Amino acid sequence: MASPRLETYCCPNRDAATQLVMNFQPEVFCGVCIGSASISLLLTILQLLPKKGQSPRKMPKASSSSTILLLISICDILGGLGIIFRSSVWLGFPGFIANISVVNGTDVWPSTFCVGSAMWIQLLFSAGFWWLFCYAVDSYLVVRRSAGLSTIVLYHMMTWGLAVLLCVEGIALLYYPSLSSCENGLEHAIPHYITTYAPLLLVLVANPILFRRTVSAVASLLKGRQGIYTENERRLGTEIQMRFFKIMLVFVICWSSNIINETLLFYLEMQPDINEMPLKNIRSAALITWIIMGVLNPMQGFLFTLAFYGWTGWRVDLKWRKREIPWESMSSSTAGENAYPSPVNYQSNIHDSKKISTTDSQQTDEAISMLSEGNTSSDERLTRSSPIYQGW
């Protein structure tokens, strides 16, 4: 799981609250992390693989949201691999990990492994948070027709740049001037915790606002497409709203325990003695949420694929598919047009006006299909309700 306590555990003079949770049933905790991360990893890959009997998902060329969804899943997969590797080493080599507690030890590899694995996990999950924020921004911009595939470059710069910057800055402030002197005061720990939880809190605050504005913009698009708001449009708008709700619900479920746990541990740190009897319930709550974090944090990858695409099934299709060559599709399109020529009695001005209306409808349909990507029923209703389907 992802917690700034992983980095503070690398300090030989770690605080009492960190010592409390990290020493609580470490074998059980590492086993829970390995099990949860492994299940999530396998199910996430299963979700993303093509399935037999299903046509591949098609996204509008001008949208970068499909790429963002894939990158979120990749970040979760790589973060889960980091959790499995770190927990496996902790379980398999307990003597190696015990050397981290040695203040003046000469072996630097235990501390190097501790810092490196913790940074890897934090960096990947932090990048996933930034990509999720970019998805909310891109959804709103696509509906407003202000985004395209070129914006993915800006998203890459912002996501990886901020993730690396905050991770390196937090680690540098925590371990300055050396591992043996970190955690001597709150001036070391607080900046590290802020840089860790800043992207998480940004998603919790900003994404619901952006999603709400996107849903409102979608309703306006659906009303303006044909001048009416039919049951199909209303149902499609509701499904897009539900998709955003599922995304935020998964995020809250997977990470609310982190915020609760960190609040409890900070409260314990401010006490003169965290082992006092009046603090027993708080200690128990901190340990319970610590185990819950080990279960829910790695499961984010699989739960997000359910929110993005729904359950895609078990039947995996690993056969190589021939890609359609662009000029083949153009040839078939031309052949279709020649086979069914338009009536010659159509006036040119009527044809041009309907062509413009059809183009606008196509742009609207592309924006809506991007938001409902992965939902077959939504795509079918969208096609049936479009002017092209109705014979324009």
Protein backbone atom coordinates (compact mmCIF):
# COMPACT_ATOMS: atom_id res chain seq x y z
CA MET A 1 0.00 0.00 0.00
CA ALA A 2 0.99 3.64 -0.36
CA SER A 3 1.67 5.60 2.82
CA PRO A 4 4.30 8.17 3.84
CA ARG A 5 4.92 5.93 6.84
CA LEU A 6 6.89 3.66 4.51
CA GLU A 7 9.49 6.39 4.04
CA THR A 8 9.57 7.37 7.71
CA TYR A 9 10.16 3.72 8.62
CA CYS A 10 13.48 3.99 6.77
CA CYS A 11 14.68 6.41 9.47
CA PRO A 12 16.49 4.56 12.30
CA ASN A 13 15.14 7.12 14.80
CA ARG A 14 11.54 6.84 13.59
CA ASP A 15 8.70 8.25 15.70
CA ALA A 16 6.67 6.12 18.10
CA ALA A 17 3.49 6.19 15.98
CA THR A 18 5.31 4.86 12.92
CA GLN A 19 6.98 2.22 15.07
CA LEU A 20 3.56 1.18 16.38
CA VAL A 21 1.97 0.43 13.01
CA MET A 22 5.05 -0.96 11.27
CA ASN A 23 5.74 -3.45 14.08
CA PHE A 24 2.12 -4.62 14.33
CA GLN A 25 1.98 -8.16 12.89
CA PRO A 26 4.41 -7.40 10.03
CA GLU A 27 4.12 -10.91 8.58
CA VAL A 28 0.33 -10.70 8.45
CA PHE A 29 0.42 -7.19 7.06
CA CYS A 30 2.90 -8.08 4.30
CA GLY A 31 0.86 -11.17 3.44
CA VAL A 32 -2.29 -9.06 3.14
CA CYS A 33 -0.49 -6.58 0.88
CA ILE A 34 0.87 -9.37 -1.36
CA GLY A 35 -2.52 -11.06 -1.62
CA SER A 36 -4.47 -7.90 -2.35
CA ALA A 37 -1.92 -6.57 -4.85
CA SER A 38 -1.65 -9.92 -6.66
CA ILE A 39 -5.42 -10.30 -7.03
CA SER A 40 -5.78 -6.72 -8.22
CA LEU A 41 -2.89 -7.11 -10.65
CA LEU A 42 -4.27 -10.27 -12.26
CA LEU A 43 -7.84 -8.97 -12.49
CA THR A 44 -6.72 -5.60 -13.88
CA ILE A 45 -4.73 -7.27 -16.66
CA LEU A 46 -7.69 -9.59 -17.33
CA GLN A 47 -9.96 -6.57 -17.64
CA LEU A 48 -7.68 -4.83 -20.13
CA LEU A 49 -7.07 -7.84 -22.42
CA PRO A 50 -9.31 -8.17 -25.51
CA LYS A 51 -12.21 -10.57 -25.16
CA LYS A 52 -13.66 -13.13 -27.56
CA GLY A 53 -16.85 -12.09 -29.26
CA GLN A 54 -16.37 -8.42 -28.42
CA SER A 55 -15.37 -5.74 -30.86
CA PRO A 56 -12.42 -3.60 -29.74
CA ARG A 57 -13.28 -0.32 -28.12
CA LYS A 58 -13.18 2.57 -30.54
CA MET A 59 -12.51 6.04 -29.33
CA PRO A 60 -12.73 9.33 -31.20
CA LYS A 61 -9.41 10.31 -32.73
CA ALA A 62 -9.57 13.82 -31.22
CA SER A 63 -9.81 12.53 -27.64
CA SER A 64 -6.98 11.68 -25.27
CA SER A 65 -9.20 10.27 -22.51
CA SER A 66 -8.78 6.65 -23.64
CA THR A 67 -5.01 7.08 -23.30
CA ILE A 68 -5.44 8.61 -19.85
CA LEU A 69 -7.59 5.70 -18.66
CA LEU A 70 -4.94 3.26 -19.86
CA LEU A 71 -2.16 5.22 -18.13
CA ILE A 72 -4.10 5.19 -14.85
CA SER A 73 -4.30 1.41 -15.05
CA ILE A 74 -0.59 1.16 -15.91
CA CYS A 75 0.32 3.27 -12.87
CA ASP A 76 -1.79 1.02 -10.66
CA ILE A 77 -0.21 -2.12 -12.13
CA LEU A 78 3.36 -0.85 -11.64
CA GLY A 79 2.52 0.40 -8.15
CA GLY A 80 1.06 -3.02 -7.31
CA LEU A 81 4.23 -4.70 -8.55
CA GLY A 82 6.22 -2.46 -6.21
CA ILE A 83 4.03 -3.47 -3.27
CA ILE A 84 4.45 -7.18 -4.09
CA PHE A 85 8.24 -6.85 -4.40
CA ARG A 86 8.67 -4.83 -1.20
CA SER A 87 6.39 -7.08 0.87
CA SER A 88 8.03 -10.23 -0.50
CA VAL A 89 11.49 -9.03 0.53
CA TRP A 90 10.20 -8.10 3.99
CA LEU A 91 8.72 -11.58 4.41
CA GLY A 92 11.58 -13.51 2.86
CA PHE A 93 14.52 -11.66 4.44
CA PRO A 94 13.53 -10.43 7.93
CA GLY A 95 17.18 -10.12 8.97
CA PHE A 96 17.90 -7.87 6.01
CA ILE A 97 15.06 -5.51 6.97
CA ALA A 98 16.08 -5.54 10.64
CA ASN A 99 19.32 -3.78 9.70
CA ILE A 100 17.32 -0.64 8.91
CA SER A 101 16.94 -0.03 12.66
CA VAL A 102 20.70 0.09 13.15
CA VAL A 103 21.66 3.75 13.58
CA ASN A 104 25.37 3.45 12.86
CA GLY A 105 25.24 0.39 10.61
CA THR A 106 27.77 0.02 7.82
CA ASP A 107 25.45 -1.88 5.45
CA VAL A 108 23.68 0.69 3.27
CA TRP A 109 21.67 -1.79 1.18
CA PRO A 110 18.76 -2.24 3.64
CA SER A 111 18.20 1.52 3.80
CA THR A 112 18.65 1.84 0.04
CA PHE A 113 16.05 -0.85 -0.56
CA CYS A 114 13.69 0.73 1.97
CA VAL A 115 13.93 4.21 0.43
CA GLY A 116 13.91 3.00 -3.17
CA SER A 117 10.88 0.74 -2.85
CA ALA A 118 8.93 3.35 -0.89
CA MET A 119 9.71 6.03 -3.48
CA TRP A 120 8.67 3.71 -6.32
CA ILE A 121 5.28 3.01 -4.75
CA GLN A 122 4.66 6.64 -3.83
CA LEU A 123 5.69 7.92 -7.26
CA LEU A 124 3.45 5.54 -9.21
CA PHE A 125 0.35 6.06 -7.09
CA SER A 126 0.96 9.82 -7.02
CA ALA A 127 1.20 9.80 -10.83
CA GLY A 128 -2.08 7.88 -10.90
CA PHE A 129 -3.68 10.63 -8.83
CA TRP A 130 -2.46 13.29 -11.27
CA TRP A 131 -3.69 11.26 -14.25
CA LEU A 132 -7.10 10.95 -12.62
CA PHE A 133 -7.18 14.71 -12.22
CA CYS A 134 -6.18 15.08 -15.89
CA TYR A 135 -9.04 12.75 -16.84
CA ALA A 136 -11.54 15.06 -15.12
CA VAL A 137 -10.01 18.09 -16.86
CA ASP A 138 -9.96 16.34 -20.24
CA SER A 139 -13.57 15.19 -19.91
CA TYR A 140 -14.70 18.76 -19.38
CA LEU A 141 -12.52 20.14 -22.18
CA VAL A 142 -13.67 17.50 -24.67
CA VAL A 143 -17.30 18.31 -24.01
CA ARG A 144 -16.42 21.97 -24.52
CA ARG A 145 -14.52 20.93 -27.67
CA SER A 146 -11.32 22.47 -26.35
CA ALA A 147 -9.20 19.31 -26.12
CA GLY A 148 -7.66 16.87 -28.52
CA LEU A 149 -5.00 14.24 -28.86
CA SER A 150 -2.29 16.92 -28.77
CA THR A 151 -3.18 17.81 -25.18
CA ILE A 152 -1.84 14.45 -24.00
CA VAL A 153 1.66 15.92 -24.25
CA LEU A 154 0.71 18.63 -21.77
CA TYR A 155 -0.84 16.04 -19.47
CA HIS A 156 2.37 13.99 -19.56
CA MET A 157 4.46 17.02 -18.67
CA MET A 158 2.18 18.02 -15.81
CA THR A 159 1.63 14.52 -14.41
CA TRP A 160 5.15 13.11 -14.45
CA GLY A 161 6.77 16.47 -13.75
CA LEU A 162 4.68 17.20 -10.65
CA ALA A 163 4.79 13.59 -9.43
CA VAL A 164 8.60 13.44 -9.63
CA LEU A 165 9.03 16.96 -8.24
CA LEU A 166 6.83 16.42 -5.19
CA CYS A 167 8.22 12.94 -4.51
CA VAL A 168 11.87 14.04 -4.68
CA GLU A 169 11.21 17.21 -2.72
CA GLY A 170 9.37 15.38 0.06
CA ILE A 171 12.03 12.68 0.33
CA ALA A 172 14.87 15.22 0.28
CA LEU A 173 13.29 17.25 3.08
CA LEU A 174 12.59 14.12 5.13
CA TYR A 175 16.10 12.67 4.89
CA TYR A 176 18.05 15.93 5.10
CA PRO A 177 20.92 15.94 5.96
CA SER A 178 21.08 12.13 6.32
CA LEU A 179 18.97 9.08 7.18
CA SER A 180 20.37 9.02 10.71
CA SER A 181 19.03 12.52 11.47
CA CYS A 182 15.62 12.37 9.77
CA GLU A 183 12.44 12.46 11.88
CA ASN A 184 14.20 14.53 14.54
CA GLY A 185 11.50 17.17 14.26
CA LEU A 186 8.24 17.97 12.53
CA GLU A 187 10.07 20.27 10.11
CA HIS A 188 11.32 17.10 8.41
CA ALA A 189 8.10 15.10 8.43
CA ILE A 190 5.36 17.65 7.71
CA PRO A 191 6.62 18.74 4.23
CA HIS A 192 6.95 15.09 3.29
CA TYR A 193 3.37 14.32 4.29
CA ILE A 194 2.08 17.40 2.47
CA THR A 195 3.79 16.47 -0.79
CA THR A 196 2.45 12.91 -0.47
CA TYR A 197 -1.19 13.79 0.17
CA ALA A 198 -1.45 16.96 -1.96
CA PRO A 199 -2.44 15.14 -5.21
CA LEU A 200 -4.83 12.86 -3.29
CA LEU A 201 -6.64 15.83 -1.74
CA LEU A 202 -6.67 17.60 -5.13
CA VAL A 203 -8.58 14.69 -6.67
CA LEU A 204 -11.01 14.56 -3.72
CA VAL A 205 -11.79 18.28 -4.01
CA ALA A 206 -11.39 19.20 -7.69
CA ASN A 207 -12.63 16.11 -9.52
CA PRO A 208 -16.22 16.19 -8.19
CA ILE A 209 -16.48 19.84 -9.26
CA LEU A 210 -15.13 19.12 -12.74
CA PHE A 211 -17.33 16.03 -13.14
CA ARG A 212 -20.42 18.01 -12.09
CA ARG A 213 -19.67 20.72 -14.64
CA THR A 214 -19.05 18.10 -17.31
CA VAL A 215 -22.41 16.46 -16.66
CA SER A 216 -24.13 19.84 -16.98
CA ALA A 217 -22.31 20.48 -20.27
CA VAL A 218 -23.33 17.02 -21.53
CA ALA A 219 -26.99 17.78 -20.82
CA SER A 220 -26.69 20.99 -22.83
CA LEU A 221 -25.07 19.13 -25.72
CA LEU A 222 -27.77 16.46 -25.76
CA LYS A 223 -30.53 19.06 -25.72
CA GLY A 224 -28.93 21.11 -28.47
CA ARG A 225 -28.26 18.18 -30.79
CA GLN A 226 -31.86 17.86 -32.01
CA GLY A 227 -33.59 20.58 -30.06
CA ILE A 228 -35.32 18.03 -27.81
CA TYR A 229 -34.35 16.03 -24.74
CA THR A 230 -35.71 12.52 -25.28
CA GLU A 231 -35.66 9.55 -22.96
CA ASN A 232 -32.55 8.20 -24.71
CA GLU A 233 -30.64 11.43 -24.11
CA ARG A 234 -31.79 11.57 -20.50
CA ARG A 235 -30.74 7.98 -19.90
CA LEU A 236 -27.36 8.50 -21.56
CA GLY A 237 -26.69 11.58 -19.45
CA THR A 238 -27.59 9.61 -16.33
CA GLU A 239 -25.18 6.82 -17.25
CA ILE A 240 -22.34 9.29 -17.78
CA GLN A 241 -23.12 10.81 -14.39
CA MET A 242 -23.12 7.35 -12.82
CA ARG A 243 -19.77 6.59 -14.39
CA PHE A 244 -18.22 9.67 -12.78
CA PHE A 245 -19.88 8.74 -9.49
CA LYS A 246 -18.39 5.22 -9.63
CA ILE A 247 -14.91 6.64 -10.26
CA MET A 248 -15.11 8.92 -7.23
CA LEU A 249 -16.70 6.17 -5.12
CA VAL A 250 -13.78 3.82 -5.85
CA PHE A 251 -11.29 6.57 -5.05
CA VAL A 252 -12.96 7.41 -1.73
CA ILE A 253 -13.23 3.75 -0.74
CA CYS A 254 -9.58 3.01 -1.51
CA TRP A 255 -8.03 6.10 0.10
CA SER A 256 -10.30 7.37 2.88
CA SER A 257 -8.68 4.86 5.25
CA ASN A 258 -5.31 6.55 4.58
CA ILE A 259 -6.61 9.92 5.70
CA ILE A 260 -8.25 8.45 8.80
CA ASN A 261 -5.14 6.47 9.69
CA GLU A 262 -2.84 9.46 9.25
CA THR A 263 -5.09 11.64 11.40
CA LEU A 264 -5.06 9.08 14.20
CA LEU A 265 -1.28 8.63 14.03
CA PHE A 266 -0.64 12.36 14.11
CA TYR A 267 -2.85 12.61 17.17
CA LEU A 268 -0.83 9.84 18.83
CA GLU A 269 2.43 11.59 17.94
CA MET A 270 1.31 14.68 19.83
CA GLN A 271 0.79 12.68 23.03
CA PRO A 272 3.60 12.36 25.62
CA ASP A 273 3.16 8.58 25.77
CA ILE A 274 1.15 6.75 23.11
CA ASN A 275 1.02 3.59 25.29
CA GLU A 276 -1.28 5.14 27.91
CA MET A 277 -4.53 3.29 28.61
CA PRO A 278 -6.85 6.19 27.60
CA LEU A 279 -5.35 5.99 24.10
CA LYS A 280 -6.07 2.28 23.68
CA ASN A 281 -9.10 2.77 21.41
CA ILE A 282 -7.21 5.23 19.23
CA ARG A 283 -4.29 2.82 18.91
CA SER A 284 -6.70 0.02 17.97
CA ALA A 285 -8.41 2.21 15.37
CA ALA A 286 -5.03 3.17 13.89
CA LEU A 287 -3.98 -0.48 13.62
CA ILE A 288 -7.31 -1.53 12.07
CA THR A 289 -7.18 1.22 9.43
CA TRP A 290 -3.54 0.27 8.78
CA ILE A 291 -4.60 -3.26 7.79
CA ILE A 292 -7.51 -1.88 5.77
CA MET A 293 -5.07 0.28 3.83
CA GLY A 294 -3.07 -2.83 2.97
CA VAL A 295 -6.22 -4.35 1.44
CA LEU A 296 -7.83 -1.37 -0.31
CA ASN A 297 -4.88 0.60 -1.70
CA PRO A 298 -3.68 -2.14 -4.08
CA MET A 299 -7.27 -2.98 -5.13
CA GLN A 300 -7.68 0.44 -6.71
CA GLY A 301 -6.42 -0.80 -10.09
CA PHE A 302 -9.07 -3.49 -10.52
CA LEU A 303 -11.90 -1.39 -9.07
CA PHE A 304 -11.04 1.46 -11.43
CA THR A 305 -11.31 -0.83 -14.46
CA LEU A 306 -14.78 -1.80 -13.26
CA ALA A 307 -15.71 1.88 -12.99
CA PHE A 308 -14.18 2.67 -16.40
CA TYR A 309 -15.37 -0.28 -18.50
CA GLY A 310 -17.59 -2.49 -16.35
CA TRP A 311 -16.93 -6.22 -16.11
CA THR A 312 -15.45 -7.28 -19.48
CA GLY A 313 -15.66 -11.05 -18.90
CA TRP A 314 -13.32 -14.01 -18.62
CA ARG A 315 -12.96 -15.10 -22.26
CA VAL A 316 -9.66 -13.63 -23.37
CA ASP A 317 -8.84 -13.37 -27.09
CA LEU A 318 -5.05 -13.46 -27.61
CA LYS A 319 -5.21 -13.99 -31.38
CA TRP A 320 -3.52 -11.42 -33.57
CA ARG A 321 -6.00 -9.19 -35.37
CA LYS A 322 -5.35 -7.73 -38.80
CA ARG A 323 -5.50 -3.98 -38.72
CA GLU A 324 -7.60 -2.26 -41.30
CA ILE A 325 -5.50 -0.28 -43.75
CA PRO A 326 -6.76 3.30 -44.09
CA TRP A 327 -7.10 3.20 -47.85
CA GLU A 328 -9.08 -0.05 -47.61
CA SER A 329 -11.70 1.65 -45.49
CA MET A 330 -11.72 4.59 -47.91
CA SER A 331 -12.20 2.21 -50.84
CA SER A 332 -15.08 0.39 -49.15
CA SER A 333 -16.64 3.72 -48.25
CA THR A 334 -16.37 4.90 -51.85
CA ALA A 335 -17.82 1.65 -53.11
CA GLY A 336 -20.74 2.06 -50.75
CA GLU A 337 -21.39 5.55 -51.96
CA ASN A 338 -21.31 4.41 -55.59
CA ALA A 339 -23.65 1.53 -54.87
CA TYR A 340 -26.26 3.83 -53.33
CA PRO A 341 -26.08 7.17 -55.13
CA SER A 342 -28.07 10.05 -53.72
CA PRO A 343 -31.16 11.19 -55.63
CA VAL A 344 -30.37 13.82 -58.23
CA ASN A 345 -33.36 16.00 -57.37
CA TYR A 346 -31.81 17.16 -54.05
CA GLN A 347 -30.99 20.84 -54.08
CA SER A 348 -27.38 21.74 -53.29
CA ASN A 349 -28.21 24.25 -50.54
CA ILE A 350 -30.31 21.69 -48.66
CA HIS A 351 -27.52 19.13 -49.01
CA ASP A 352 -24.93 21.58 -47.66
CA SER A 353 -27.06 22.59 -44.69
CA LYS A 354 -27.71 18.98 -43.76
CA LYS A 355 -24.02 18.18 -44.20
CA ILE A 356 -23.11 20.91 -41.71
CA SER A 357 -25.76 19.65 -39.29
CA THR A 358 -24.43 16.12 -39.68
CA THR A 359 -20.87 17.31 -38.99
CA ASP A 360 -21.94 19.07 -35.80
CA SER A 361 -23.87 15.99 -34.73
CA GLN A 362 -20.81 13.83 -35.36
CA GLN A 363 -18.67 16.10 -33.17
CA THR A 364 -21.28 15.95 -30.42
CA ASP A 365 -21.56 12.17 -30.73
CA GLU A 366 -17.77 11.82 -30.49
CA ALA A 367 -17.68 13.88 -27.30
CA ILE A 368 -20.52 11.87 -25.75
CA SER A 369 -19.10 8.51 -26.85
CA MET A 370 -15.78 9.41 -25.22
CA LEU A 371 -17.50 9.86 -21.87
CA SER A 372 -19.55 6.67 -22.24
CA GLU A 373 -16.64 4.59 -23.63
CA GLY A 374 -16.87 0.98 -22.59
CA ASN A 375 -20.67 1.08 -22.24
CA THR A 376 -22.14 -0.88 -25.16
CA SER A 377 -25.74 0.00 -24.46
CA SER A 378 -24.93 3.71 -24.35
CA ASP A 379 -23.08 3.51 -27.66
CA GLU A 380 -26.01 1.71 -29.30
CA ARG A 381 -28.54 4.27 -28.05
CA LEU A 382 -26.26 7.08 -29.13
CA THR A 383 -26.05 5.64 -32.66
CA ARG A 384 -29.80 5.13 -32.93
CA SER A 385 -30.56 8.65 -31.71
CA SER A 386 -28.06 10.36 -34.04
CA PRO A 387 -29.27 12.07 -37.21
CA ILE A 388 -26.96 9.86 -39.29
CA TYR A 389 -28.74 6.74 -38.04
CA GLN A 390 -32.11 8.31 -38.72
CA GLY A 391 -31.31 8.75 -42.41
CA TRP A 392 -30.01 12.32 -42.67
